[in-house]
């Protein structure tokens, strides 16, 4: 599985984060997507975007709802996460 070195730099560019904050966001993102099942999705509310296990952005039309995720997998397969910025 690919490591996403520049995820934070790509998606958090409006937040004026330090190098260390970007690094921590990249570590967090990679840890979260590695916990997903193959059908799992990671939703990041701060940027209102959803990502699949490969780290690819998922179109709004393709998003599974939380309930759909529970029904298709039998357990919570939909992480909701907050990315904090130091502002």
C-alpha atoms as a PDB file:
ATOM      1  CA  UNK A   1       0.000   0.000   0.000  1.00  0.00           C
ATOM      2  CA  UNK A   2       1.343   3.402  -0.949  1.00  0.00           C
ATOM      3  CA  UNK A   3       2.318   5.930   1.682  1.00  0.00           C
ATOM      4  CA  UNK A   4       0.807   9.345   1.046  1.00  0.00           C
ATOM      5  CA  UNK A   5       3.649  11.769   1.826  1.00  0.00           C
ATOM      6  CA  UNK A   6       1.899  14.882   0.545  1.00  0.00           C
ATOM      7  CA  UNK A   7      -1.731  14.299   1.584  1.00  0.00           C
ATOM      8  CA  UNK A   8      -1.792  17.158   4.097  1.00  0.00           C
ATOM      9  CA  UNK A   9       0.103  19.500   1.793  1.00  0.00           C
ATOM     10  CA  UNK A  10      -2.487  18.822  -0.928  1.00  0.00           C
ATOM     11  CA  UNK A  11      -5.687  18.966   1.100  1.00  0.00           C
ATOM     12  CA  UNK A  12      -4.765  21.303   3.985  1.00  0.00           C
ATOM     13  CA  UNK A  13      -3.007  24.066   2.038  1.00  0.00           C
ATOM     14  CA  UNK A  14      -5.431  26.782   3.243  1.00  0.00           C
ATOM     15  CA  UNK A  15      -4.579  26.148   6.924  1.00  0.00           C
ATOM     16  CA  UNK A  16      -0.995  27.514   7.098  1.00  0.00           C
ATOM     17  CA  UNK A  17       0.372  24.447   8.875  1.00  0.00           C
ATOM     18  CA  UNK A  18       3.991  23.933   9.872  1.00  0.00           C
ATOM     19  CA  UNK A  19       6.136  21.154   8.439  1.00  0.00           C
ATOM     20  CA  UNK A  20       5.604  19.146  11.636  1.00  0.00           C
ATOM     21  CA  UNK A  21       1.814  19.576  11.485  1.00  0.00           C
ATOM     22  CA  UNK A  22       1.747  18.414   7.869  1.00  0.00           C
ATOM     23  CA  UNK A  23       3.934  15.455   8.814  1.00  0.00           C
ATOM     24  CA  UNK A  24       1.583  14.480  11.653  1.00  0.00           C
ATOM     25  CA  UNK A  25      -1.462  14.830   9.388  1.00  0.00           C
ATOM     26  CA  UNK A  26       0.215  12.590   6.795  1.00  0.00           C
ATOM     27  CA  UNK A  27       1.002   9.992   9.470  1.00  0.00           C
ATOM     28  CA  UNK A  28      -2.574  10.169  10.781  1.00  0.00           C
ATOM     29  CA  UNK A  29      -4.066   9.811   7.279  1.00  0.00           C
ATOM     30  CA  UNK A  30      -1.924   6.790   6.448  1.00  0.00           C
ATOM     31  CA  UNK A  31      -2.725   5.130   9.785  1.00  0.00           C
ATOM     32  CA  UNK A  32      -6.456   5.674   9.283  1.00  0.00           C
ATOM     33  CA  UNK A  33      -6.677   4.366   5.714  1.00  0.00           C
ATOM     34  CA  UNK A  34      -4.605   1.315   6.667  1.00  0.00           C
ATOM     35  CA  UNK A  35      -7.289   0.412   9.227  1.00  0.00           C
ATOM     36  CA  UNK A  36     -10.060   0.401   6.650  1.00  0.00           C
ATOM     37  CA  UNK A  37     -11.405  -2.763   5.082  1.00  0.00           C
ATOM     38  CA  UNK A  38     -11.209  -2.868   1.270  1.00  0.00           C
ATOM     39  CA  UNK A  39     -14.698  -1.332   1.004  1.00  0.00           C
ATOM     40  CA  UNK A  40     -14.135   1.111   3.873  1.00  0.00           C
ATOM     41  CA  UNK A  41     -14.120   4.871   3.585  1.00  0.00           C
ATOM     42  CA  UNK A  42     -12.559   7.633   5.645  1.00  0.00           C
ATOM     43  CA  UNK A  43     -14.524  10.881   5.944  1.00  0.00           C
ATOM     44  CA  UNK A  44     -12.636  14.039   6.974  1.00  0.00           C
ATOM     45  CA  UNK A  45     -15.268  16.651   7.949  1.00  0.00           C
ATOM     46  CA  UNK A  46     -12.864  19.590   8.140  1.00  0.00           C
ATOM     47  CA  UNK A  47     -12.333  19.407   4.386  1.00  0.00           C
ATOM     48  CA  UNK A  48     -15.642  17.596   3.621  1.00  0.00           C
ATOM     49  CA  UNK A  49     -13.917  14.827   1.668  1.00  0.00           C
ATOM     50  CA  UNK A  50     -14.068  11.043   1.708  1.00  0.00           C
ATOM     51  CA  UNK A  51     -11.217   8.665   0.833  1.00  0.00           C
ATOM     52  CA  UNK A  52     -11.038   4.959   0.094  1.00  0.00           C
ATOM     53  CA  UNK A  53      -8.453   2.502   1.416  1.00  0.00           C
ATOM     54  CA  UNK A  54      -6.052   3.398  -1.403  1.00  0.00           C
ATOM     55  CA  UNK A  55      -6.114   7.057  -0.320  1.00  0.00           C
ATOM     56  CA  UNK A  56      -8.098   8.091  -3.379  1.00  0.00           C
ATOM     57  CA  UNK A  57     -10.784  10.735  -3.033  1.00  0.00           C
ATOM     58  CA  UNK A  58     -14.284   9.269  -3.408  1.00  0.00           C
ATOM     59  CA  UNK A  59     -16.930  11.165  -5.360  1.00  0.00           C
ATOM     60  CA  UNK A  60     -19.998  12.275  -3.404  1.00  0.00           C
ATOM     61  CA  UNK A  61     -22.209  10.031  -5.555  1.00  0.00           C
ATOM     62  CA  UNK A  62     -20.107   6.982  -4.635  1.00  0.00           C
ATOM     63  CA  UNK A  63     -20.071   7.585  -0.875  1.00  0.00           C
ATOM     64  CA  UNK A  64     -21.568   4.931   1.345  1.00  0.00           C
ATOM     65  CA  UNK A  65     -23.686   6.196   4.168  1.00  0.00           C
ATOM     66  CA  UNK A  66     -22.822   5.128   7.704  1.00  0.00           C
ATOM     67  CA  UNK A  67     -25.939   2.931   7.713  1.00  0.00           C
ATOM     68  CA  UNK A  68     -25.024   1.362   4.352  1.00  0.00           C
ATOM     69  CA  UNK A  69     -21.595   0.577   5.740  1.00  0.00           C
ATOM     70  CA  UNK A  70     -23.072  -1.142   8.790  1.00  0.00           C
ATOM     71  CA  UNK A  71     -25.524  -3.112   6.669  1.00  0.00           C
ATOM     72  CA  UNK A  72     -22.967  -4.307   4.109  1.00  0.00           C
ATOM     73  CA  UNK A  73     -20.137  -5.161   6.489  1.00  0.00           C
ATOM     74  CA  UNK A  74     -21.830  -5.906   9.791  1.00  0.00           C
ATOM     75  CA  UNK A  75     -19.643  -3.439  11.681  1.00  0.00           C
ATOM     76  CA  UNK A  76     -18.520   0.151  11.615  1.00  0.00           C
ATOM     77  CA  UNK A  77     -16.416   0.447   8.486  1.00  0.00           C
ATOM     78  CA  UNK A  78     -16.758   4.215   8.098  1.00  0.00           C
ATOM     79  CA  UNK A  79     -14.303   6.311  10.074  1.00  0.00           C
ATOM     80  CA  UNK A  80     -15.202   9.894  10.834  1.00  0.00           C
ATOM     81  CA  UNK A  81     -12.174  11.889  11.807  1.00  0.00           C
ATOM     82  CA  UNK A  82     -11.223  15.421  12.675  1.00  0.00           C
ATOM     83  CA  UNK A  83      -7.949  16.845  11.469  1.00  0.00           C
ATOM     84  CA  UNK A  84      -6.894  19.515  13.925  1.00  0.00           C
ATOM     85  CA  UNK A  85      -4.900  22.536  12.931  1.00  0.00           C
ATOM     86  CA  UNK A  86      -2.912  24.704  15.290  1.00  0.00           C
ATOM     87  CA  UNK A  87      -4.378  28.122  14.583  1.00  0.00           C
END
